[in-house]
Amino acid sequence: MPRVKRGFTLRQRRKRLFKLAKGFRSGRGNLYRLAKESVDRALKFAYRDRRTRKRDFRRLWIARINAAARTCDLSYSQLMFGLRRANIAVNRKILAEMAIADFPSFSRLATIAKEKIG
């Protein structure tokens, strides 16, 4: 078997890794072994947190909707139940945005939900 010199391939691999490690401080950004470990860890967190972000936003929206619903004398679950009964399909993101930016229309939805409950 002929001897293989790894110059180009190795350089490309390291360049790709150091590009991912750009901005890392100290040896994590310019020593290969430390950079490799740091990049692996960072990519693992990025993968995990892309999923966590969805959960976090949903929790935020629910908290905002609940706070606004309580000013209309409803709980979050009563509001969602009433809206479902009234066949009003508005997702939580839009409801939370309405609670902050357009409260009069949110309160109209809350009164509709209240009528459908009781």
PDB file of N, CA and C in Angstrom:
ATOM      1  N   MET A   1       0.837  -1.197   0.000  1.00  0.00           N
ATOM      2  CA  MET A   1       0.000   0.000   0.000  1.00  0.00           C
ATOM      3  C   MET A   1       0.873   1.249   0.000  1.00  0.00           C
ATOM      4  N   PRO A   2       0.491   2.224  -0.790  1.00  0.00           N
ATOM      5  CA  PRO A   2       1.276   3.458  -0.809  1.00  0.00           C
ATOM      6  C   PRO A   2       1.066   4.258   0.481  1.00  0.00           C
ATOM      7  N   ARG A   3       2.078   5.043   0.789  1.00  0.00           N
ATOM      8  CA  ARG A   3       2.031   5.876   1.982  1.00  0.00           C
ATOM      9  C   ARG A   3       1.109   7.077   1.728  1.00  0.00           C
ATOM     10  N   VAL A   4       0.290   7.392   2.724  1.00  0.00           N
ATOM     11  CA  VAL A   4      -0.650   8.498   2.591  1.00  0.00           C
ATOM     12  C   VAL A   4      -0.188   9.661   3.444  1.00  0.00           C
ATOM     13  N   LYS A   5      -0.017  10.804   2.808  1.00  0.00           N
ATOM     14  CA  LYS A   5       0.287  12.015   3.567  1.00  0.00           C
ATOM     15  C   LYS A   5      -1.040  12.720   3.826  1.00  0.00           C
ATOM     16  N   ARG A   6      -1.269  13.105   5.075  1.00  0.00           N
ATOM     17  CA  ARG A   6      -2.589  13.573   5.489  1.00  0.00           C
ATOM     18  C   ARG A   6      -2.761  15.089   5.418  1.00  0.00           C
ATOM     19  N   GLY A   7      -1.805  15.778   4.824  1.00  0.00           N
ATOM     20  CA  GLY A   7      -1.786  17.233   4.872  1.00  0.00           C
ATOM     21  C   GLY A   7      -3.110  17.917   4.578  1.00  0.00           C
ATOM     22  N   PHE A   8      -3.627  17.759   3.375  1.00  0.00           N
ATOM     23  CA  PHE A   8      -4.818  18.502   2.963  1.00  0.00           C
ATOM     24  C   PHE A   8      -6.042  18.094   3.770  1.00  0.00           C
ATOM     25  N   THR A   9      -6.295  16.798   3.879  1.00  0.00           N
ATOM     26  CA  THR A   9      -7.480  16.307   4.577  1.00  0.00           C
ATOM     27  C   THR A   9      -7.476  16.730   6.031  1.00  0.00           C
ATOM     28  N   LEU A  10      -6.342  16.558   6.671  1.00  0.00           N
ATOM     29  CA  LEU A  10      -6.239  16.913   8.082  1.00  0.00           C
ATOM     30  C   LEU A  10      -6.436  18.408   8.277  1.00  0.00           C
ATOM     31  N   ARG A  11      -5.841  19.202   7.400  1.00  0.00           N
ATOM     32  CA  ARG A  11      -5.965  20.653   7.515  1.00  0.00           C
ATOM     33  C   ARG A  11      -7.428  21.079   7.339  1.00  0.00           C
ATOM     34  N   GLN A  12      -8.108  20.478   6.369  1.00  0.00           N
ATOM     35  CA  GLN A  12      -9.518  20.801   6.140  1.00  0.00           C
ATOM     36  C   GLN A  12     -10.363  20.454   7.357  1.00  0.00           C
ATOM     37  N   ARG A  13     -10.118  19.282   7.933  1.00  0.00           N
ATOM     38  CA  ARG A  13     -10.887  18.843   9.092  1.00  0.00           C
ATOM     39  C   ARG A  13     -10.678  19.806  10.256  1.00  0.00           C
ATOM     40  N   ARG A  14      -9.419  20.204  10.462  1.00  0.00           N
ATOM     41  CA  ARG A  14      -9.128  21.105  11.580  1.00  0.00           C
ATOM     42  C   ARG A  14      -9.688  22.496  11.332  1.00  0.00           C
ATOM     43  N   LYS A  15      -9.615  22.948  10.083  1.00  0.00           N
ATOM     44  CA  LYS A  15     -10.183  24.256   9.752  1.00  0.00           C
ATOM     45  C   LYS A  15     -11.681  24.283  10.024  1.00  0.00           C
ATOM     46  N   ARG A  16     -12.360  23.201   9.655  1.00  0.00           N
ATOM     47  CA  ARG A  16     -13.797  23.107   9.871  1.00  0.00           C
ATOM     48  C   ARG A  16     -14.113  23.165  11.371  1.00  0.00           C
ATOM     49  N   LEU A  17     -13.304  22.458  12.170  1.00  0.00           N
ATOM     50  CA  LEU A  17     -13.528  22.437  13.614  1.00  0.00           C
ATOM     51  C   LEU A  17     -13.252  23.812  14.229  1.00  0.00           C
ATOM     52  N   PHE A  18     -12.140  24.440  13.825  1.00  0.00           N
ATOM     53  CA  PHE A  18     -11.810  25.741  14.402  1.00  0.00           C
ATOM     54  C   PHE A  18     -12.819  26.809  13.983  1.00  0.00           C
ATOM     55  N   LYS A  19     -13.427  26.642  12.825  1.00  0.00           N
ATOM     56  CA  LYS A  19     -14.472  27.565  12.407  1.00  0.00           C
ATOM     57  C   LYS A  19     -15.673  27.457  13.350  1.00  0.00           C
ATOM     58  N   LEU A  20     -16.001  26.227  13.765  1.00  0.00           N
ATOM     59  CA  LEU A  20     -17.092  26.032  14.716  1.00  0.00           C
ATOM     60  C   LEU A  20     -16.730  26.556  16.108  1.00  0.00           C
ATOM     61  N   ALA A  21     -15.428  26.519  16.436  1.00  0.00           N
ATOM     62  CA  ALA A  21     -14.969  26.954  17.760  1.00  0.00           C
ATOM     63  C   ALA A  21     -14.658  28.448  17.808  1.00  0.00           C
ATOM     64  N   LYS A  22     -14.979  29.169  16.744  1.00  0.00           N
ATOM     65  CA  LYS A  22     -14.678  30.596  16.699  1.00  0.00           C
ATOM     66  C   LYS A  22     -15.437  31.313  17.818  1.00  0.00           C
ATOM     67  N   GLY A  23     -14.722  32.161  18.540  1.00  0.00           N
ATOM     68  CA  GLY A  23     -15.340  32.890  19.637  1.00  0.00           C
ATOM     69  C   GLY A  23     -15.168  32.214  20.973  1.00  0.00           C
ATOM     70  N   PHE A  24     -14.722  30.955  20.990  1.00  0.00           N
ATOM     71  CA  PHE A  24     -14.465  30.280  22.255  1.00  0.00           C
ATOM     72  C   PHE A  24     -13.212  30.894  22.858  1.00  0.00           C
ATOM     73  N   ARG A  25     -13.181  31.002  24.169  1.00  0.00           N
ATOM     74  CA  ARG A  25     -12.088  31.705  24.824  1.00  0.00           C
ATOM     75  C   ARG A  25     -10.922  30.774  25.127  1.00  0.00           C
ATOM     76  N   SER A  26      -9.735  31.351  25.155  1.00  0.00           N
ATOM     77  CA  SER A  26      -8.508  30.677  25.582  1.00  0.00           C
ATOM     78  C   SER A  26      -8.216  29.472  24.696  1.00  0.00           C
ATOM     79  N   GLY A  27      -7.771  28.364  25.295  1.00  0.00           N
ATOM     80  CA  GLY A  27      -7.375  27.198  24.519  1.00  0.00           C
ATOM     81  C   GLY A  27      -8.528  26.529  23.804  1.00  0.00           C
ATOM     82  N   ARG A  28      -9.735  26.771  24.288  1.00  0.00           N
ATOM     83  CA  ARG A  28     -10.904  26.140  23.655  1.00  0.00           C
ATOM     84  C   ARG A  28     -11.086  26.609  22.216  1.00  0.00           C
ATOM     85  N   GLY A  29     -10.508  27.746  21.898  1.00  0.00           N
ATOM     86  CA  GLY A  29     -10.658  28.268  20.548  1.00  0.00           C
ATOM     87  C   GLY A  29      -9.467  28.010  19.653  1.00  0.00           C
ATOM     88  N   ASN A  30      -8.285  27.634  20.247  1.00  0.00           N
ATOM     89  CA  ASN A  30      -7.128  27.482  19.367  1.00  0.00           C
ATOM     90  C   ASN A  30      -6.270  26.243  19.637  1.00  0.00           C
ATOM     91  N   LEU A  31      -6.679  25.373  20.557  1.00  0.00           N
ATOM     92  CA  LEU A  31      -6.000  24.089  20.741  1.00  0.00           C
ATOM     93  C   LEU A  31      -6.941  22.993  20.272  1.00  0.00           C
ATOM     94  N   TYR A  32      -6.453  22.130  19.397  1.00  0.00           N
ATOM     95  CA  TYR A  32      -7.343  21.201  18.698  1.00  0.00           C
ATOM     96  C   TYR A  32      -8.146  20.325  19.654  1.00  0.00           C
ATOM     97  N   ARG A  33      -7.477  19.696  20.618  1.00  0.00           N
ATOM     98  CA  ARG A  33      -8.181  18.747  21.479  1.00  0.00           C
ATOM     99  C   ARG A  33      -9.249  19.450  22.314  1.00  0.00           C
ATOM    100  N   LEU A  34      -8.886  20.578  22.905  1.00  0.00           N
ATOM    101  CA  LEU A  34      -9.853  21.331  23.706  1.00  0.00           C
ATOM    102  C   LEU A  34     -10.990  21.867  22.831  1.00  0.00           C
ATOM    103  N   ALA A  35     -10.637  22.332  21.643  1.00  0.00           N
ATOM    104  CA  ALA A  35     -11.657  22.867  20.737  1.00  0.00           C
ATOM    105  C   ALA A  35     -12.628  21.776  20.331  1.00  0.00           C
ATOM    106  N   LYS A  36     -12.112  20.580  20.074  1.00  0.00           N
ATOM    107  CA  LYS A  36     -12.966  19.455  19.661  1.00  0.00           C
ATOM    108  C   LYS A  36     -13.954  19.104  20.766  1.00  0.00           C
ATOM    109  N   GLU A  37     -13.456  19.024  21.999  1.00  0.00           N
ATOM    110  CA  GLU A  37     -14.341  18.714  23.130  1.00  0.00           C
ATOM    111  C   GLU A  37     -15.397  19.799  23.310  1.00  0.00           C
ATOM    112  N   SER A  38     -14.972  21.055  23.209  1.00  0.00           N
ATOM    113  CA  SER A  38     -15.896  22.169  23.417  1.00  0.00           C
ATOM    114  C   SER A  38     -16.960  22.229  22.324  1.00  0.00           C
ATOM    115  N   VAL A  39     -16.550  21.992  21.086  1.00  0.00           N
ATOM    116  CA  VAL A  39     -17.501  22.024  19.972  1.00  0.00           C
ATOM    117  C   VAL A  39     -18.501  20.872  20.100  1.00  0.00           C
ATOM    118  N   ASP A  40     -18.012  19.691  20.451  1.00  0.00           N
ATOM    119  CA  ASP A  40     -18.920  18.549  20.641  1.00  0.00           C
ATOM    120  C   ASP A  40     -19.968  18.868  21.698  1.00  0.00           C
ATOM    121  N   ARG A  41     -19.505  19.453  22.795  1.00  0.00           N
ATOM    122  CA  ARG A  41     -20.407  19.780  23.895  1.00  0.00           C
ATOM    123  C   ARG A  41     -21.397  20.857  23.468  1.00  0.00           C
ATOM    124  N   ALA A  42     -20.898  21.864  22.776  1.00  0.00           N
ATOM    125  CA  ALA A  42     -21.759  22.960  22.327  1.00  0.00           C
ATOM    126  C   ALA A  42     -22.832  22.453  21.362  1.00  0.00           C
ATOM    127  N   LEU A  43     -22.448  21.558  20.452  1.00  0.00           N
ATOM    128  CA  LEU A  43     -23.421  21.012  19.498  1.00  0.00           C
ATOM    129  C   LEU A  43     -24.469  20.161  20.202  1.00  0.00           C
ATOM    130  N   LYS A  44     -24.039  19.452  21.240  1.00  0.00           N
ATOM    131  CA  LYS A  44     -24.980  18.642  22.022  1.00  0.00           C
ATOM    132  C   LYS A  44     -26.009  19.542  22.709  1.00  0.00           C
ATOM    133  N   PHE A  45     -25.528  20.638  23.313  1.00  0.00           N
ATOM    134  CA  PHE A  45     -26.447  21.574  23.972  1.00  0.00           C
ATOM    135  C   PHE A  45     -27.371  22.229  22.954  1.00  0.00           C
ATOM    136  N   ALA A  46     -26.833  22.578  21.792  1.00  0.00           N
ATOM    137  CA  ALA A  46     -27.644  23.230  20.765  1.00  0.00           C
ATOM    138  C   ALA A  46     -28.774  22.313  20.312  1.00  0.00           C
ATOM    139  N   TYR A  47     -28.467  21.033  20.131  1.00  0.00           N
ATOM    140  CA  TYR A  47     -29.472  20.056  19.709  1.00  0.00           C
ATOM    141  C   TYR A  47     -30.562  19.937  20.776  1.00  0.00           C
ATOM    142  N   ARG A  48     -30.125  19.797  22.036  1.00  0.00           N
ATOM    143  CA  ARG A  48     -31.071  19.630  23.137  1.00  0.00           C
ATOM    144  C   ARG A  48     -31.951  20.872  23.281  1.00  0.00           C
ATOM    145  N   ASP A  49     -31.322  22.046  23.208  1.00  0.00           N
ATOM    146  CA  ASP A  49     -32.051  23.264  23.511  1.00  0.00           C
ATOM    147  C   ASP A  49     -32.959  23.725  22.382  1.00  0.00           C
ATOM    148  N   ARG A  50     -32.746  23.218  21.174  1.00  0.00           N
ATOM    149  CA  ARG A  50     -33.719  23.508  20.116  1.00  0.00           C
ATOM    150  C   ARG A  50     -35.061  22.895  20.462  1.00  0.00           C
ATOM    151  N   ARG A  51     -35.051  21.788  21.163  1.00  0.00           N
ATOM    152  CA  ARG A  51     -36.293  21.159  21.595  1.00  0.00           C
ATOM    153  C   ARG A  51     -36.836  21.819  22.849  1.00  0.00           C
ATOM    154  N   THR A  52     -35.937  22.191  23.752  1.00  0.00           N
ATOM    155  CA  THR A  52     -36.349  22.834  25.004  1.00  0.00           C
ATOM    156  C   THR A  52     -36.997  24.183  24.733  1.00  0.00           C
ATOM    157  N   ARG A  53     -36.497  24.908  23.718  1.00  0.00           N
ATOM    158  CA  ARG A  53     -37.033  26.230  23.406  1.00  0.00           C
ATOM    159  C   ARG A  53     -38.538  26.167  23.134  1.00  0.00           C
ATOM    160  N   LYS A  54     -38.969  25.134  22.442  1.00  0.00           N
ATOM    161  CA  LYS A  54     -40.390  24.996  22.118  1.00  0.00           C
ATOM    162  C   LYS A  54     -41.220  24.870  23.394  1.00  0.00           C
ATOM    163  N   ARG A  55     -40.722  24.071  24.347  1.00  0.00           N
ATOM    164  CA  ARG A  55     -41.412  23.906  25.626  1.00  0.00           C
ATOM    165  C   ARG A  55     -41.453  25.220  26.393  1.00  0.00           C
ATOM    166  N   ASP A  56     -40.318  25.924  26.408  1.00  0.00           N
ATOM    167  CA  ASP A  56     -40.224  27.170  27.171  1.00  0.00           C
ATOM    168  C   ASP A  56     -41.202  28.212  26.639  1.00  0.00           C
ATOM    169  N   PHE A  57     -41.299  28.321  25.325  1.00  0.00           N
ATOM    170  CA  PHE A  57     -42.223  29.302  24.761  1.00  0.00           C
ATOM    171  C   PHE A  57     -43.663  28.946  25.060  1.00  0.00           C
ATOM    172  N   ARG A  58     -43.981  27.661  24.988  1.00  0.00           N
ATOM    173  CA  ARG A  58     -45.346  27.247  25.298  1.00  0.00           C
ATOM    174  C   ARG A  58     -45.703  27.608  26.745  1.00  0.00           C
ATOM    175  N   ARG A  59     -44.764  27.374  27.672  1.00  0.00           N
ATOM    176  CA  ARG A  59     -44.991  27.727  29.077  1.00  0.00           C
ATOM    177  C   ARG A  59     -45.189  29.231  29.241  1.00  0.00           C
ATOM    178  N   LEU A  60     -44.399  30.029  28.516  1.00  0.00           N
ATOM    179  CA  LEU A  60     -44.520  31.482  28.578  1.00  0.00           C
ATOM    180  C   LEU A  60     -45.887  31.934  28.079  1.00  0.00           C
ATOM    181  N   TRP A  61     -46.309  31.380  26.932  1.00  0.00           N
ATOM    182  CA  TRP A  61     -47.607  31.757  26.378  1.00  0.00           C
ATOM    183  C   TRP A  61     -48.738  31.413  27.336  1.00  0.00           C
ATOM    184  N   ILE A  62     -48.662  30.232  27.947  1.00  0.00           N
ATOM    185  CA  ILE A  62     -49.715  29.810  28.868  1.00  0.00           C
ATOM    186  C   ILE A  62     -49.755  30.737  30.080  1.00  0.00           C
ATOM    187  N   ALA A  63     -48.589  31.121  30.593  1.00  0.00           N
ATOM    188  CA  ALA A  63     -48.550  32.036  31.739  1.00  0.00           C
ATOM    189  C   ALA A  63     -49.172  33.386  31.378  1.00  0.00           C
ATOM    190  N   ARG A  64     -48.877  33.890  30.181  1.00  0.00           N
ATOM    191  CA  ARG A  64     -49.439  35.176  29.763  1.00  0.00           C
ATOM    192  C   ARG A  64     -50.955  35.096  29.572  1.00  0.00           C
ATOM    193  N   ILE A  65     -51.406  34.001  28.957  1.00  0.00           N
ATOM    194  CA  ILE A  65     -52.846  33.825  28.735  1.00  0.00           C
ATOM    195  C   ILE A  65     -53.559  33.712  30.074  1.00  0.00           C
ATOM    196  N   ASN A  66     -52.988  32.962  30.993  1.00  0.00           N
ATOM    197  CA  ASN A  66     -53.593  32.776  32.313  1.00  0.00           C
ATOM    198  C   ASN A  66     -53.715  34.109  33.037  1.00  0.00           C
ATOM    199  N   ALA A  67     -52.648  34.917  33.001  1.00  0.00           N
ATOM    200  CA  ALA A  67     -52.685  36.224  33.671  1.00  0.00           C
ATOM    201  C   ALA A  67     -53.777  37.111  33.081  1.00  0.00           C
ATOM    202  N   ALA A  68     -53.889  37.103  31.762  1.00  0.00           N
ATOM    203  CA  ALA A  68     -54.910  37.938  31.117  1.00  0.00           C
ATOM    204  C   ALA A  68     -56.309  37.379  31.379  1.00  0.00           C
ATOM    205  N   ALA A  69     -56.436  36.049  31.393  1.00  0.00           N
ATOM    206  CA  ALA A  69     -57.743  35.429  31.623  1.00  0.00           C
ATOM    207  C   ALA A  69     -58.239  35.728  33.033  1.00  0.00           C
ATOM    208  N   ARG A  70     -57.326  35.783  33.978  1.00  0.00           N
ATOM    209  CA  ARG A  70     -57.717  36.049  35.371  1.00  0.00           C
ATOM    210  C   ARG A  70     -58.261  37.464  35.526  1.00  0.00           C
ATOM    211  N   THR A  71     -57.802  38.407  34.716  1.00  0.00           N
ATOM    212  CA  THR A  71     -58.384  39.755  34.762  1.00  0.00           C
ATOM    213  C   THR A  71     -59.809  39.760  34.213  1.00  0.00           C
ATOM    214  N   CYS A  72     -60.148  38.722  33.447  1.00  0.00           N
ATOM    215  CA  CYS A  72     -61.512  38.581  32.918  1.00  0.00           C
ATOM    216  C   CYS A  72     -62.328  37.582  33.743  1.00  0.00           C
ATOM    217  N   ASP A  73     -61.869  37.289  34.955  1.00  0.00           N
ATOM    218  CA  ASP A  73     -62.554  36.380  35.890  1.00  0.00           C
ATOM    219  C   ASP A  73     -62.678  34.960  35.351  1.00  0.00           C
ATOM    220  N   LEU A  74     -61.643  34.488  34.696  1.00  0.00           N
ATOM    221  CA  LEU A  74     -61.580  33.104  34.216  1.00  0.00           C
ATOM    222  C   LEU A  74     -60.214  32.543  34.554  1.00  0.00           C
ATOM    223  N   SER A  75     -60.136  31.228  34.653  1.00  0.00           N
ATOM    224  CA  SER A  75     -58.818  30.603  34.730  1.00  0.00           C
ATOM    225  C   SER A  75     -58.403  30.210  33.318  1.00  0.00           C
ATOM    226  N   TYR A  76     -57.149  29.844  33.170  1.00  0.00           N
ATOM    227  CA  TYR A  76     -56.644  29.441  31.857  1.00  0.00           C
ATOM    228  C   TYR A  76     -57.434  28.260  31.311  1.00  0.00           C
ATOM    229  N   SER A  77     -57.650  27.252  32.171  1.00  0.00           N
ATOM    230  CA  SER A  77     -58.324  26.037  31.693  1.00  0.00           C
ATOM    231  C   SER A  77     -59.777  26.318  31.319  1.00  0.00           C
ATOM    232  N   GLN A  78     -60.438  27.193  32.088  1.00  0.00           N
ATOM    233  CA  GLN A  78     -61.820  27.552  31.747  1.00  0.00           C
ATOM    234  C   GLN A  78     -61.877  28.287  30.414  1.00  0.00           C
ATOM    235  N   LEU A  79     -60.920  29.190  30.206  1.00  0.00           N
ATOM    236  CA  LEU A  79     -60.865  29.937  28.944  1.00  0.00           C
ATOM    237  C   LEU A  79     -60.683  28.997  27.769  1.00  0.00           C
ATOM    238  N   MET A  80     -59.719  28.093  27.871  1.00  0.00           N
ATOM    239  CA  MET A  80     -59.451  27.176  26.760  1.00  0.00           C
ATOM    240  C   MET A  80     -60.633  26.238  26.524  1.00  0.00           C
ATOM    241  N   PHE A  81     -61.275  25.790  27.597  1.00  0.00           N
ATOM    242  CA  PHE A  81     -62.453  24.926  27.477  1.00  0.00           C
ATOM    243  C   PHE A  81     -63.587  25.662  26.779  1.00  0.00           C
ATOM    244  N   GLY A  82     -63.822  26.912  27.185  1.00  0.00           N
ATOM    245  CA  GLY A  82     -64.883  27.711  26.575  1.00  0.00           C
ATOM    246  C   GLY A  82     -64.618  27.990  25.106  1.00  0.00           C
ATOM    247  N   LEU A  83     -63.365  28.277  24.769  1.00  0.00           N
ATOM    248  CA  LEU A  83     -63.031  28.527  23.368  1.00  0.00           C
ATOM    249  C   LEU A  83     -63.213  27.275  22.520  1.00  0.00           C
ATOM    250  N   ARG A  84     -62.844  26.139  23.088  1.00  0.00           N
ATOM    251  CA  ARG A  84     -63.019  24.879  22.360  1.00  0.00           C
ATOM    252  C   ARG A  84     -64.501  24.597  22.145  1.00  0.00           C
ATOM    253  N   ARG A  85     -65.327  24.865  23.184  1.00  0.00           N
ATOM    254  CA  ARG A  85     -66.774  24.673  23.076  1.00  0.00           C
ATOM    255  C   ARG A  85     -67.382  25.595  22.016  1.00  0.00           C
ATOM    256  N   ALA A  86     -66.827  26.807  21.904  1.00  0.00           N
ATOM    257  CA  ALA A  86     -67.347  27.786  20.947  1.00  0.00           C
ATOM    258  C   ALA A  86     -66.778  27.589  19.544  1.00  0.00           C
ATOM    259  N   ASN A  87     -65.963  26.548  19.364  1.00  0.00           N
ATOM    260  CA  ASN A  87     -65.316  26.248  18.089  1.00  0.00           C
ATOM    261  C   ASN A  87     -64.446  27.412  17.597  1.00  0.00           C
ATOM    262  N   ILE A  88     -63.760  28.032  18.528  1.00  0.00           N
ATOM    263  CA  ILE A  88     -62.812  29.096  18.182  1.00  0.00           C
ATOM    264  C   ILE A  88     -61.421  28.491  18.264  1.00  0.00           C
ATOM    265  N   ALA A  89     -60.794  28.339  17.123  1.00  0.00           N
ATOM    266  CA  ALA A  89     -59.469  27.708  17.063  1.00  0.00           C
ATOM    267  C   ALA A  89     -58.403  28.795  16.937  1.00  0.00           C
ATOM    268  N   VAL A  90     -57.903  29.234  18.085  1.00  0.00           N
ATOM    269  CA  VAL A  90     -56.817  30.206  18.117  1.00  0.00           C
ATOM    270  C   VAL A  90     -55.692  29.578  18.912  1.00  0.00           C
ATOM    271  N   ASN A  91     -54.490  29.542  18.336  1.00  0.00           N
ATOM    272  CA  ASN A  91     -53.404  28.885  19.066  1.00  0.00           C
ATOM    273  C   ASN A  91     -52.885  29.765  20.196  1.00  0.00           C
ATOM    274  N   ARG A  92     -52.098  29.162  21.077  1.00  0.00           N
ATOM    275  CA  ARG A  92     -51.649  29.835  22.295  1.00  0.00           C
ATOM    276  C   ARG A  92     -50.737  31.021  21.992  1.00  0.00           C
ATOM    277  N   LYS A  93     -49.938  30.902  20.948  1.00  0.00           N
ATOM    278  CA  LYS A  93     -49.034  32.001  20.592  1.00  0.00           C
ATOM    279  C   LYS A  93     -49.827  33.255  20.255  1.00  0.00           C
ATOM    280  N   ILE A  94     -50.867  33.093  19.446  1.00  0.00           N
ATOM    281  CA  ILE A  94     -51.682  34.236  19.038  1.00  0.00           C
ATOM    282  C   ILE A  94     -52.482  34.772  20.218  1.00  0.00           C
ATOM    283  N   LEU A  95     -53.015  33.873  21.060  1.00  0.00           N
ATOM    284  CA  LEU A  95     -53.752  34.313  22.238  1.00  0.00           C
ATOM    285  C   LEU A  95     -52.869  35.142  23.169  1.00  0.00           C
ATOM    286  N   ALA A  96     -51.639  34.688  23.369  1.00  0.00           N
ATOM    287  CA  ALA A  96     -50.710  35.420  24.236  1.00  0.00           C
ATOM    288  C   ALA A  96     -50.392  36.780  23.643  1.00  0.00           C
ATOM    289  N   GLU A  97     -50.228  36.839  22.327  1.00  0.00           N
ATOM    290  CA  GLU A  97     -49.948  38.117  21.662  1.00  0.00           C
ATOM    291  C   GLU A  97     -51.152  39.054  21.788  1.00  0.00           C
ATOM    292  N   MET A  98     -52.353  38.487  21.650  1.00  0.00           N
ATOM    293  CA  MET A  98     -53.569  39.291  21.804  1.00  0.00           C
ATOM    294  C   MET A  98     -53.684  39.814  23.237  1.00  0.00           C
ATOM    295  N   ALA A  99     -53.340  38.987  24.209  1.00  0.00           N
ATOM    296  CA  ALA A  99     -53.434  39.393  25.616  1.00  0.00           C
ATOM    297  C   ALA A  99     -52.553  40.603  25.899  1.00  0.00           C
ATOM    298  N   ILE A 100     -51.416  40.683  25.211  1.00  0.00           N
ATOM    299  CA  ILE A 100     -50.493  41.793  25.442  1.00  0.00           C
ATOM    300  C   ILE A 100     -50.846  42.991  24.563  1.00  0.00           C
ATOM    301  N   ALA A 101     -50.987  42.761  23.263  1.00  0.00           N
ATOM    302  CA  ALA A 101     -51.087  43.868  22.311  1.00  0.00           C
ATOM    303  C   ALA A 101     -52.518  44.342  22.066  1.00  0.00           C
ATOM    304  N   ASP A 102     -53.492  43.430  22.136  1.00  0.00           N
ATOM    305  CA  ASP A 102     -54.872  43.782  21.771  1.00  0.00           C
ATOM    306  C   ASP A 102     -55.826  43.217  22.813  1.00  0.00           C
ATOM    307  N   PHE A 103     -55.782  43.803  24.021  1.00  0.00           N
ATOM    308  CA  PHE A 103     -56.571  43.247  25.123  1.00  0.00           C
ATOM    309  C   PHE A 103     -58.085  43.312  24.903  1.00  0.00           C
ATOM    310  N   PRO A 104     -58.640  44.356  24.282  1.00  0.00           N
ATOM    311  CA  PRO A 104     -60.100  44.370  24.067  1.00  0.00           C
ATOM    312  C   PRO A 104     -60.615  43.157  23.279  1.00  0.00           C
ATOM    313  N   SER A 105     -59.912  42.771  22.235  1.00  0.00           N
ATOM    314  CA  SER A 105     -60.368  41.595  21.478  1.00  0.00           C
ATOM    315  C   SER A 105     -60.159  40.312  22.288  1.00  0.00           C
ATOM    316  N   PHE A 106     -59.101  40.288  23.116  1.00  0.00           N
ATOM    317  CA  PHE A 106     -58.906  39.114  23.994  1.00  0.00           C
ATOM    318  C   PHE A 106     -60.064  39.014  24.988  1.00  0.00           C
ATOM    319  N   SER A 107     -60.493  40.146  25.540  1.00  0.00           N
ATOM    320  CA  SER A 107     -61.588  40.108  26.512  1.00  0.00           C
ATOM    321  C   SER A 107     -62.905  39.710  25.849  1.00  0.00           C
ATOM    322  N   ARG A 108     -63.074  40.065  24.561  1.00  0.00           N
ATOM    323  CA  ARG A 108     -64.261  39.606  23.824  1.00  0.00           C
ATOM    324  C   ARG A 108     -64.254  38.087  23.701  1.00  0.00           C
ATOM    325  N   LEU A 109     -63.074  37.530  23.377  1.00  0.00           N
ATOM    326  CA  LEU A 109     -62.960  36.067  23.316  1.00  0.00           C
ATOM    327  C   LEU A 109     -63.250  35.448  24.686  1.00  0.00           C
ATOM    328  N   ALA A 110     -62.789  36.108  25.749  1.00  0.00           N
ATOM    329  CA  ALA A 110     -63.022  35.589  27.099  1.00  0.00           C
ATOM    330  C   ALA A 110     -64.511  35.595  27.436  1.00  0.00           C
ATOM    331  N   THR A 111     -65.236  36.646  27.022  1.00  0.00           N
ATOM    332  CA  THR A 111     -66.679  36.675  27.299  1.00  0.00           C
ATOM    333  C   THR A 111     -67.411  35.600  26.511  1.00  0.00           C
ATOM    334  N   ILE A 112     -66.981  35.350  25.283  1.00  0.00           N
ATOM    335  CA  ILE A 112     -67.576  34.260  24.482  1.00  0.00           C
ATOM    336  C   ILE A 112     -67.340  32.930  25.183  1.00  0.00           C
ATOM    337  N   ALA A 113     -66.111  32.727  25.662  1.00  0.00           N
ATOM    338  CA  ALA A 113     -65.778  31.488  26.357  1.00  0.00           C
ATOM    339  C   ALA A 113     -66.607  31.347  27.632  1.00  0.00           C
ATOM    340  N   LYS A 114     -66.800  32.461  28.332  1.00  0.00           N
ATOM    341  CA  LYS A 114     -67.577  32.442  29.585  1.00  0.00           C
ATOM    342  C   LYS A 114     -69.027  32.043  29.331  1.00  0.00           C
ATOM    343  N   GLU A 115     -69.583  32.562  28.218  1.00  0.00           N
ATOM    344  CA  GLU A 115     -70.963  32.209  27.867  1.00  0.00           C
ATOM    345  C   GLU A 115     -71.097  30.727  27.556  1.00  0.00           C
ATOM    346  N   LYS A 116     -70.105  30.171  26.886  1.00  0.00           N
ATOM    347  CA  LYS A 116     -70.163  28.761  26.492  1.00  0.00           C
ATOM    348  C   LYS A 116     -69.995  27.813  27.674  1.00  0.00           C
ATOM    349  N   ILE A 117     -69.303  28.281  28.713  1.00  0.00           N
ATOM    350  CA  ILE A 117     -69.101  27.422  29.908  1.00  0.00           C
ATOM    351  C   ILE A 117     -70.400  27.301  30.694  1.00  0.00           C
ATOM    352  N   GLY A 118     -70.984  28.433  30.996  1.00  0.00           N
ATOM    353  CA  GLY A 118     -72.119  28.405  31.911  1.00  0.00           C
ATOM    354  C   GLY A 118     -73.350  28.829  31.257  1.00  0.00           C
TER     355      GLY A 118
END
